[in-house]
Amino acid sequence: MLKMKYRKSSKIIDKETEAGLLLFNTDSGKMVELNITAKLLWQKTGDSFILEDLRRIIKENCNSADNIDKDLSEFIEIALKYELVERDGKN
């Protein structure tokens, strides 16, 4: 799973909010508000990434990295559900 590549959708519009970052997919019409940690992950990753990239961002920027694997899995699950990212089949 760590080597699975993901690619951000090019159809995303973002807007900063008090709670984090609001993302809207202009193709699907799906919208989700990311919390501060998910916002950090979204903004610090490139257009394509693997879970190890996300893990590194958390370790470098967060004091407490408890449950990191669970949190990263939830982030990817939400990102896929709201069509913010897609699996990059070039593995």
PDB file of N, CA and C in Angstrom:
ATOM      1  N   MET A   1       0.818  -1.203   0.000  1.00  0.00           N
ATOM      2  CA  MET A   1       0.000   0.000   0.000  1.00  0.00           C
ATOM      3  C   MET A   1       0.859   1.264   0.000  1.00  0.00           C
ATOM      4  N   LEU A   2       2.036   1.205   0.629  1.00  0.00           N
ATOM      5  CA  LEU A   2       2.900   2.382   0.690  1.00  0.00           C
ATOM      6  C   LEU A   2       3.400   2.793  -0.683  1.00  0.00           C
ATOM      7  N   LYS A   3       3.501   1.851  -1.610  1.00  0.00           N
ATOM      8  CA  LYS A   3       4.017   2.155  -2.942  1.00  0.00           C
ATOM      9  C   LYS A   3       2.914   2.522  -3.932  1.00  0.00           C
ATOM     10  N   MET A   4       1.651   2.387  -3.529  1.00  0.00           N
ATOM     11  CA  MET A   4       0.541   2.774  -4.404  1.00  0.00           C
ATOM     12  C   MET A   4       0.648   4.263  -4.690  1.00  0.00           C
ATOM     13  N   LYS A   5       0.590   4.605  -5.961  1.00  0.00           N
ATOM     14  CA  LYS A   5       0.660   6.011  -6.346  1.00  0.00           C
ATOM     15  C   LYS A   5      -0.737   6.592  -6.476  1.00  0.00           C
ATOM     16  N   TYR A   6      -0.858   7.835  -6.057  1.00  0.00           N
ATOM     17  CA  TYR A   6      -2.106   8.575  -6.171  1.00  0.00           C
ATOM     18  C   TYR A   6      -1.825   9.864  -6.930  1.00  0.00           C
ATOM     19  N   ARG A   7      -2.852  10.338  -7.619  1.00  0.00           N
ATOM     20  CA  ARG A   7      -2.718  11.571  -8.382  1.00  0.00           C
ATOM     21  C   ARG A   7      -3.887  12.483  -8.021  1.00  0.00           C
ATOM     22  N   LYS A   8      -3.576  13.750  -7.712  1.00  0.00           N
ATOM     23  CA  LYS A   8      -4.624  14.717  -7.409  1.00  0.00           C
ATOM     24  C   LYS A   8      -5.428  15.005  -8.669  1.00  0.00           C
ATOM     25  N   SER A   9      -6.712  15.205  -8.483  1.00  0.00           N
ATOM     26  CA  SER A   9      -7.563  15.598  -9.597  1.00  0.00           C
ATOM     27  C   SER A   9      -7.200  17.016 -10.016  1.00  0.00           C
ATOM     28  N   SER A  10      -7.185  17.242 -11.303  1.00  0.00           N
ATOM     29  CA  SER A  10      -6.890  18.582 -11.825  1.00  0.00           C
ATOM     30  C   SER A  10      -8.136  19.467 -11.793  1.00  0.00           C
ATOM     31  N   LYS A  11      -9.252  18.921 -11.368  1.00  0.00           N
ATOM     32  CA  LYS A  11     -10.536  19.629 -11.365  1.00  0.00           C
ATOM     33  C   LYS A  11     -10.906  20.158  -9.976  1.00  0.00           C
ATOM     34  N   ILE A  12      -9.915  20.391  -9.120  1.00  0.00           N
ATOM     35  CA  ILE A  12     -10.177  20.815  -7.745  1.00  0.00           C
ATOM     36  C   ILE A  12      -9.992  22.324  -7.598  1.00  0.00           C
ATOM     37  N   ILE A  13     -10.970  22.933  -6.939  1.00  0.00           N
ATOM     38  CA  ILE A  13     -10.879  24.334  -6.532  1.00  0.00           C
ATOM     39  C   ILE A  13     -10.793  24.312  -5.007  1.00  0.00           C
ATOM     40  N   ASP A  14      -9.902  25.115  -4.440  1.00  0.00           N
ATOM     41  CA  ASP A  14      -9.790  25.128  -2.978  1.00  0.00           C
ATOM     42  C   ASP A  14     -10.024  26.526  -2.413  1.00  0.00           C
ATOM     43  N   LYS A  15     -10.476  26.550  -1.161  1.00  0.00           N
ATOM     44  CA  LYS A  15     -10.714  27.795  -0.455  1.00  0.00           C
ATOM     45  C   LYS A  15     -10.388  27.582   1.007  1.00  0.00           C
ATOM     46  N   GLU A  16      -9.533  28.442   1.554  1.00  0.00           N
ATOM     47  CA  GLU A  16      -9.185  28.357   2.973  1.00  0.00           C
ATOM     48  C   GLU A  16     -10.398  28.718   3.825  1.00  0.00           C
ATOM     49  N   THR A  17     -10.554  27.999   4.928  1.00  0.00           N
ATOM     50  CA  THR A  17     -11.623  28.278   5.884  1.00  0.00           C
ATOM     51  C   THR A  17     -11.007  28.375   7.271  1.00  0.00           C
ATOM     52  N   GLU A  18     -11.809  28.764   8.257  1.00  0.00           N
ATOM     53  CA  GLU A  18     -11.307  28.817   9.633  1.00  0.00           C
ATOM     54  C   GLU A  18     -10.901  27.433  10.121  1.00  0.00           C
ATOM     55  N   ALA A  19     -11.621  26.415   9.677  1.00  0.00           N
ATOM     56  CA  ALA A  19     -11.365  25.052  10.134  1.00  0.00           C
ATOM     57  C   ALA A  19     -10.288  24.336   9.331  1.00  0.00           C
ATOM     58  N   GLY A  20      -9.976  24.801   8.129  1.00  0.00           N
ATOM     59  CA  GLY A  20      -9.000  24.095   7.302  1.00  0.00           C
ATOM     60  C   GLY A  20      -9.043  24.529   5.858  1.00  0.00           C
ATOM     61  N   LEU A  21      -9.458  23.619   4.985  1.00  0.00           N
ATOM     62  CA  LEU A  21      -9.451  23.877   3.551  1.00  0.00           C
ATOM     63  C   LEU A  21     -10.661  23.201   2.921  1.00  0.00           C
ATOM     64  N   LEU A  22     -11.433  23.963   2.175  1.00  0.00           N
ATOM     65  CA  LEU A  22     -12.590  23.444   1.466  1.00  0.00           C
ATOM     66  C   LEU A  22     -12.154  23.095   0.046  1.00  0.00           C
ATOM     67  N   LEU A  23     -12.423  21.850  -0.378  1.00  0.00           N
ATOM     68  CA  LEU A  23     -12.075  21.392  -1.724  1.00  0.00           C
ATOM     69  C   LEU A  23     -13.344  21.040  -2.475  1.00  0.00           C
ATOM     70  N   PHE A  24     -13.429  21.495  -3.711  1.00  0.00           N
ATOM     71  CA  PHE A  24     -14.589  21.250  -4.554  1.00  0.00           C
ATOM     72  C   PHE A  24     -14.119  20.686  -5.883  1.00  0.00           C
ATOM     73  N   ASN A  25     -14.684  19.532  -6.262  1.00  0.00           N
ATOM     74  CA  ASN A  25     -14.363  18.907  -7.535  1.00  0.00           C
ATOM     75  C   ASN A  25     -15.368  19.423  -8.567  1.00  0.00           C
ATOM     76  N   THR A  26     -14.898  20.194  -9.532  1.00  0.00           N
ATOM     77  CA  THR A  26     -15.786  20.817 -10.515  1.00  0.00           C
ATOM     78  C   THR A  26     -16.406  19.808 -11.476  1.00  0.00           C
ATOM     79  N   ASP A  27     -15.819  18.632 -11.632  1.00  0.00           N
ATOM     80  CA  ASP A  27     -16.401  17.591 -12.493  1.00  0.00           C
ATOM     81  C   ASP A  27     -17.543  16.863 -11.789  1.00  0.00           C
ATOM     82  N   SER A  28     -17.280  16.414 -10.576  1.00  0.00           N
ATOM     83  CA  SER A  28     -18.265  15.583  -9.870  1.00  0.00           C
ATOM     84  C   SER A  28     -19.241  16.396  -9.028  1.00  0.00           C
ATOM     85  N   GLY A  29     -18.861  17.617  -8.688  1.00  0.00           N
ATOM     86  CA  GLY A  29     -19.697  18.423  -7.802  1.00  0.00           C
ATOM     87  C   GLY A  29     -19.529  18.058  -6.337  1.00  0.00           C
ATOM     88  N   LYS A  30     -18.600  17.160  -6.037  1.00  0.00           N
ATOM     89  CA  LYS A  30     -18.372  16.742  -4.659  1.00  0.00           C
ATOM     90  C   LYS A  30     -17.494  17.767  -3.940  1.00  0.00           C
ATOM     91  N   MET A  31     -17.814  17.960  -2.648  1.00  0.00           N
ATOM     92  CA  MET A  31     -17.096  18.948  -1.857  1.00  0.00           C
ATOM     93  C   MET A  31     -16.806  18.357  -0.478  1.00  0.00           C
ATOM     94  N   VAL A  32     -15.641  18.709   0.068  1.00  0.00           N
ATOM     95  CA  VAL A  32     -15.273  18.263   1.408  1.00  0.00           C
ATOM     96  C   VAL A  32     -14.400  19.333   2.054  1.00  0.00           C
ATOM     97  N   GLU A  33     -14.553  19.468   3.367  1.00  0.00           N
ATOM     98  CA  GLU A  33     -13.700  20.390   4.105  1.00  0.00           C
ATOM     99  C   GLU A  33     -12.655  19.578   4.870  1.00  0.00           C
ATOM    100  N   LEU A  34     -11.400  19.872   4.606  1.00  0.00           N
ATOM    101  CA  LEU A  34     -10.291  19.183   5.270  1.00  0.00           C
ATOM    102  C   LEU A  34      -9.963  19.882   6.574  1.00  0.00           C
ATOM    103  N   ASN A  35      -9.630  19.087   7.595  1.00  0.00           N
ATOM    104  CA  ASN A  35      -9.165  19.690   8.841  1.00  0.00           C
ATOM    105  C   ASN A  35      -7.728  20.180   8.653  1.00  0.00           C
ATOM    106  N   ILE A  36      -7.161  20.749   9.696  1.00  0.00           N
ATOM    107  CA  ILE A  36      -5.824  21.361   9.605  1.00  0.00           C
ATOM    108  C   ILE A  36      -4.767  20.354   9.156  1.00  0.00           C
ATOM    109  N   THR A  37      -4.797  19.140   9.700  1.00  0.00           N
ATOM    110  CA  THR A  37      -3.795  18.132   9.334  1.00  0.00           C
ATOM    111  C   THR A  37      -3.963  17.690   7.883  1.00  0.00           C
ATOM    112  N   ALA A  38      -5.190  17.430   7.471  1.00  0.00           N
ATOM    113  CA  ALA A  38      -5.440  17.031   6.085  1.00  0.00           C
ATOM    114  C   ALA A  38      -5.091  18.175   5.132  1.00  0.00           C
ATOM    115  N   LYS A  39      -5.345  19.406   5.553  1.00  0.00           N
ATOM    116  CA  LYS A  39      -4.968  20.577   4.752  1.00  0.00           C
ATOM    117  C   LYS A  39      -3.458  20.595   4.537  1.00  0.00           C
ATOM    118  N   LEU A  40      -2.715  20.336   5.588  1.00  0.00           N
ATOM    119  CA  LEU A  40      -1.255  20.279   5.502  1.00  0.00           C
ATOM    120  C   LEU A  40      -0.822  19.230   4.483  1.00  0.00           C
ATOM    121  N   LEU A  41      -1.414  18.044   4.560  1.00  0.00           N
ATOM    122  CA  LEU A  41      -1.074  16.976   3.621  1.00  0.00           C
ATOM    123  C   LEU A  41      -1.395  17.399   2.191  1.00  0.00           C
ATOM    124  N   TRP A  42      -2.558  17.981   1.994  1.00  0.00           N
ATOM    125  CA  TRP A  42      -2.981  18.396   0.648  1.00  0.00           C
ATOM    126  C   TRP A  42      -2.027  19.429   0.068  1.00  0.00           C
ATOM    127  N   GLN A  43      -1.661  20.399   0.880  1.00  0.00           N
ATOM    128  CA  GLN A  43      -0.840  21.500   0.377  1.00  0.00           C
ATOM    129  C   GLN A  43       0.629  21.135   0.213  1.00  0.00           C
ATOM    130  N   LYS A  44       1.099  20.170   0.981  1.00  0.00           N
ATOM    131  CA  LYS A  44       2.520  19.813   0.922  1.00  0.00           C
ATOM    132  C   LYS A  44       2.835  18.716  -0.087  1.00  0.00           C
ATOM    133  N   THR A  45       1.819  18.055  -0.635  1.00  0.00           N
ATOM    134  CA  THR A  45       2.089  17.012  -1.632  1.00  0.00           C
ATOM    135  C   THR A  45       2.075  17.613  -3.029  1.00  0.00           C
ATOM    136  N   GLY A  46       2.767  16.944  -3.910  1.00  0.00           N
ATOM    137  CA  GLY A  46       2.748  17.351  -5.313  1.00  0.00           C
ATOM    138  C   GLY A  46       1.512  16.803  -5.992  1.00  0.00           C
ATOM    139  N   ASP A  47       1.494  16.869  -7.307  1.00  0.00           N
ATOM    140  CA  ASP A  47       0.344  16.370  -8.062  1.00  0.00           C
ATOM    141  C   ASP A  47       0.184  14.859  -7.948  1.00  0.00           C
ATOM    142  N   SER A  48       1.290  14.149  -7.751  1.00  0.00           N
ATOM    143  CA  SER A  48       1.204  12.712  -7.498  1.00  0.00           C
ATOM    144  C   SER A  48       2.063  12.397  -6.281  1.00  0.00           C
ATOM    145  N   PHE A  49       1.662  11.337  -5.564  1.00  0.00           N
ATOM    146  CA  PHE A  49       2.334  11.012  -4.310  1.00  0.00           C
ATOM    147  C   PHE A  49       2.064   9.567  -3.932  1.00  0.00           C
ATOM    148  N   ILE A  50       2.852   9.085  -2.972  1.00  0.00           N
ATOM    149  CA  ILE A  50       2.619   7.780  -2.359  1.00  0.00           C
ATOM    150  C   ILE A  50       2.400   8.013  -0.866  1.00  0.00           C
ATOM    151  N   LEU A  51       1.902   7.012  -0.162  1.00  0.00           N
ATOM    152  CA  LEU A  51       1.632   7.174   1.264  1.00  0.00           C
ATOM    153  C   LEU A  51       2.884   7.530   2.057  1.00  0.00           C
ATOM    154  N   GLU A  52       4.024   7.048   1.616  1.00  0.00           N
ATOM    155  CA  GLU A  52       5.265   7.371   2.322  1.00  0.00           C
ATOM    156  C   GLU A  52       5.531   8.875   2.297  1.00  0.00           C
ATOM    157  N   ASP A  53       5.148   9.548   1.212  1.00  0.00           N
ATOM    158  CA  ASP A  53       5.280  11.010   1.154  1.00  0.00           C
ATOM    159  C   ASP A  53       4.427  11.664   2.235  1.00  0.00           C
ATOM    160  N   LEU A  54       3.207  11.159   2.422  1.00  0.00           N
ATOM    161  CA  LEU A  54       2.312  11.700   3.444  1.00  0.00           C
ATOM    162  C   LEU A  54       2.864  11.448   4.844  1.00  0.00           C
ATOM    163  N   ARG A  55       3.388  10.251   5.049  1.00  0.00           N
ATOM    164  CA  ARG A  55       3.976   9.899   6.349  1.00  0.00           C
ATOM    165  C   ARG A  55       5.130  10.853   6.683  1.00  0.00           C
ATOM    166  N   ARG A  56       5.962  11.148   5.703  1.00  0.00           N
ATOM    167  CA  ARG A  56       7.090  12.053   5.921  1.00  0.00           C
ATOM    168  C   ARG A  56       6.593  13.453   6.301  1.00  0.00           C
ATOM    169  N   ILE A  57       5.566  13.931   5.622  1.00  0.00           N
ATOM    170  CA  ILE A  57       5.012  15.257   5.923  1.00  0.00           C
ATOM    171  C   ILE A  57       4.512  15.317   7.362  1.00  0.00           C
ATOM    172  N   ILE A  58       3.801  14.274   7.792  1.00  0.00           N
ATOM    173  CA  ILE A  58       3.294  14.234   9.168  1.00  0.00           C
ATOM    174  C   ILE A  58       4.457  14.243  10.161  1.00  0.00           C
ATOM    175  N   LYS A  59       5.447  13.408   9.940  1.00  0.00           N
ATOM    176  CA  LYS A  59       6.577  13.316  10.872  1.00  0.00           C
ATOM    177  C   LYS A  59       7.350  14.627  10.951  1.00  0.00           C
ATOM    178  N   GLU A  60       7.471  15.338   9.836  1.00  0.00           N
ATOM    179  CA  GLU A  60       8.220  16.587   9.810  1.00  0.00           C
ATOM    180  C   GLU A  60       7.445  17.768  10.384  1.00  0.00           C
ATOM    181  N   ASN A  61       6.125  17.703  10.395  1.00  0.00           N
ATOM    182  CA  ASN A  61       5.329  18.867  10.751  1.00  0.00           C
ATOM    183  C   ASN A  61       4.438  18.720  11.975  1.00  0.00           C
ATOM    184  N   CYS A  62       4.298  17.533  12.502  1.00  0.00           N
ATOM    185  CA  CYS A  62       3.397  17.311  13.637  1.00  0.00           C
ATOM    186  C   CYS A  62       4.157  16.753  14.829  1.00  0.00           C
ATOM    187  N   ASN A  63       3.852  17.284  15.994  1.00  0.00           N
ATOM    188  CA  ASN A  63       4.519  16.822  17.215  1.00  0.00           C
ATOM    189  C   ASN A  63       4.085  15.416  17.592  1.00  0.00           C
ATOM    190  N   SER A  64       2.811  15.144  17.483  1.00  0.00           N
ATOM    191  CA  SER A  64       2.280  13.842  17.841  1.00  0.00           C
ATOM    192  C   SER A  64       1.882  13.105  16.577  1.00  0.00           C
ATOM    193  N   ALA A  65       2.474  11.951  16.382  1.00  0.00           N
ATOM    194  CA  ALA A  65       2.171  11.169  15.178  1.00  0.00           C
ATOM    195  C   ALA A  65       1.555   9.826  15.564  1.00  0.00           C
ATOM    196  N   ASP A  66       0.708   9.833  16.602  1.00  0.00           N
ATOM    197  CA  ASP A  66       0.015   8.614  17.008  1.00  0.00           C
ATOM    198  C   ASP A  66      -1.003   8.223  15.946  1.00  0.00           C
ATOM    199  N   ASN A  67      -1.187   6.930  15.763  1.00  0.00           N
ATOM    200  CA  ASN A  67      -2.172   6.403  14.812  1.00  0.00           C
ATOM    201  C   ASN A  67      -1.949   6.899  13.379  1.00  0.00           C
ATOM    202  N   ILE A  68      -0.710   7.131  13.006  1.00  0.00           N
ATOM    203  CA  ILE A  68      -0.412   7.718  11.701  1.00  0.00           C
ATOM    204  C   ILE A  68      -0.941   6.859  10.550  1.00  0.00           C
ATOM    205  N   ASP A  69      -0.804   5.540  10.631  1.00  0.00           N
ATOM    206  CA  ASP A  69      -1.270   4.675   9.543  1.00  0.00           C
ATOM    207  C   ASP A  69      -2.793   4.735   9.402  1.00  0.00           C
ATOM    208  N   LYS A  70      -3.488   4.730  10.520  1.00  0.00           N
ATOM    209  CA  LYS A  70      -4.951   4.830  10.506  1.00  0.00           C
ATOM    210  C   LYS A  70      -5.379   6.176   9.918  1.00  0.00           C
ATOM    211  N   ASP A  71      -4.742   7.248  10.362  1.00  0.00           N
ATOM    212  CA  ASP A  71      -5.089   8.583   9.871  1.00  0.00           C
ATOM    213  C   ASP A  71      -4.820   8.722   8.372  1.00  0.00           C
ATOM    214  N   LEU A  72      -3.704   8.189   7.912  1.00  0.00           N
ATOM    215  CA  LEU A  72      -3.380   8.271   6.483  1.00  0.00           C
ATOM    216  C   LEU A  72      -4.364   7.448   5.648  1.00  0.00           C
ATOM    217  N   SER A  73      -4.739   6.284   6.150  1.00  0.00           N
ATOM    218  CA  SER A  73      -5.722   5.458   5.440  1.00  0.00           C
ATOM    219  C   SER A  73      -7.056   6.185   5.338  1.00  0.00           C
ATOM    220  N   GLU A  74      -7.467   6.850   6.417  1.00  0.00           N
ATOM    221  CA  GLU A  74      -8.718   7.613   6.408  1.00  0.00           C
ATOM    222  C   GLU A  74      -8.626   8.786   5.432  1.00  0.00           C
ATOM    223  N   PHE A  75      -7.485   9.461   5.394  1.00  0.00           N
ATOM    224  CA  PHE A  75      -7.298  10.583   4.478  1.00  0.00           C
ATOM    225  C   PHE A  75      -7.449  10.121   3.030  1.00  0.00           C
ATOM    226  N   ILE A  76      -6.786   9.019   2.678  1.00  0.00           N
ATOM    227  CA  ILE A  76      -6.859   8.489   1.311  1.00  0.00           C
ATOM    228  C   ILE A  76      -8.278   8.031   0.993  1.00  0.00           C
ATOM    229  N   GLU A  77      -8.930   7.365   1.942  1.00  0.00           N
ATOM    230  CA  GLU A  77     -10.296   6.898   1.733  1.00  0.00           C
ATOM    231  C   GLU A  77     -11.236   8.072   1.422  1.00  0.00           C
ATOM    232  N   ILE A  78     -11.122   9.138   2.171  1.00  0.00           N
ATOM    233  CA  ILE A  78     -11.952  10.330   1.949  1.00  0.00           C
ATOM    234  C   ILE A  78     -11.596  10.985   0.615  1.00  0.00           C
ATOM    235  N   ALA A  79     -10.306  11.097   0.335  1.00  0.00           N
ATOM    236  CA  ALA A  79      -9.867  11.720  -0.919  1.00  0.00           C
ATOM    237  C   ALA A  79     -10.369  10.951  -2.136  1.00  0.00           C
ATOM    238  N   LEU A  80     -10.385   9.628  -2.055  1.00  0.00           N
ATOM    239  CA  LEU A  80     -10.914   8.812  -3.148  1.00  0.00           C
ATOM    240  C   LEU A  80     -12.436   8.953  -3.244  1.00  0.00           C
ATOM    241  N   LYS A  81     -13.116   8.924  -2.102  1.00  0.00           N
ATOM    242  CA  LYS A  81     -14.571   9.029  -2.069  1.00  0.00           C
ATOM    243  C   LYS A  81     -15.061  10.337  -2.702  1.00  0.00           C
ATOM    244  N   TYR A  82     -14.381  11.433  -2.398  1.00  0.00           N
ATOM    245  CA  TYR A  82     -14.791  12.733  -2.907  1.00  0.00           C
ATOM    246  C   TYR A  82     -14.102  13.095  -4.229  1.00  0.00           C
ATOM    247  N   GLU A  83     -13.424  12.109  -4.804  1.00  0.00           N
ATOM    248  CA  GLU A  83     -12.769  12.247  -6.102  1.00  0.00           C
ATOM    249  C   GLU A  83     -11.764  13.400  -6.135  1.00  0.00           C
ATOM    250  N   LEU A  84     -11.070  13.556  -5.011  1.00  0.00           N
ATOM    251  CA  LEU A  84      -9.996  14.538  -4.922  1.00  0.00           C
ATOM    252  C   LEU A  84      -8.724  13.971  -5.518  1.00  0.00           C
ATOM    253  N   VAL A  85      -8.574  12.650  -5.396  1.00  0.00           N
ATOM    254  CA  VAL A  85      -7.434  11.936  -5.964  1.00  0.00           C
ATOM    255  C   VAL A  85      -7.947  10.686  -6.660  1.00  0.00           C
ATOM    256  N   GLU A  86      -7.074  10.110  -7.461  1.00  0.00           N
ATOM    257  CA  GLU A  86      -7.362   8.807  -8.069  1.00  0.00           C
ATOM    258  C   GLU A  86      -6.100   7.976  -7.987  1.00  0.00           C
ATOM    259  N   ARG A  87      -6.304   6.683  -8.039  1.00  0.00           N
ATOM    260  CA  ARG A  87      -5.152   5.788  -8.059  1.00  0.00           C
ATOM    261  C   ARG A  87      -4.452   5.965  -9.396  1.00  0.00           C
ATOM    262  N   ASP A  88      -3.150   6.088  -9.336  1.00  0.00           N
ATOM    263  CA  ASP A  88      -2.350   6.244 -10.543  1.00  0.00           C
ATOM    264  C   ASP A  88      -1.894   4.856 -10.961  1.00  0.00           C
ATOM    265  N   GLY A  89      -2.436   4.318 -12.024  1.00  0.00           N
ATOM    266  CA  GLY A  89      -2.167   2.961 -12.446  1.00  0.00           C
ATOM    267  C   GLY A  89      -0.794   2.707 -12.999  1.00  0.00           C
ATOM    268  N   LYS A  90       0.140   3.624 -12.811  1.00  0.00           N
ATOM    269  CA  LYS A  90       1.482   3.472 -13.382  1.00  0.00           C
ATOM    270  C   LYS A  90       2.442   2.778 -12.426  1.00  0.00           C
ATOM    271  N   ASN A  91       1.954   1.921 -11.555  1.00  0.00           N
ATOM    272  CA  ASN A  91       2.812   1.223 -10.585  1.00  0.00           C
ATOM    273  C   ASN A  91       3.479   0.033 -11.216  1.00  0.00           C
TER     274      ASN A  91
END
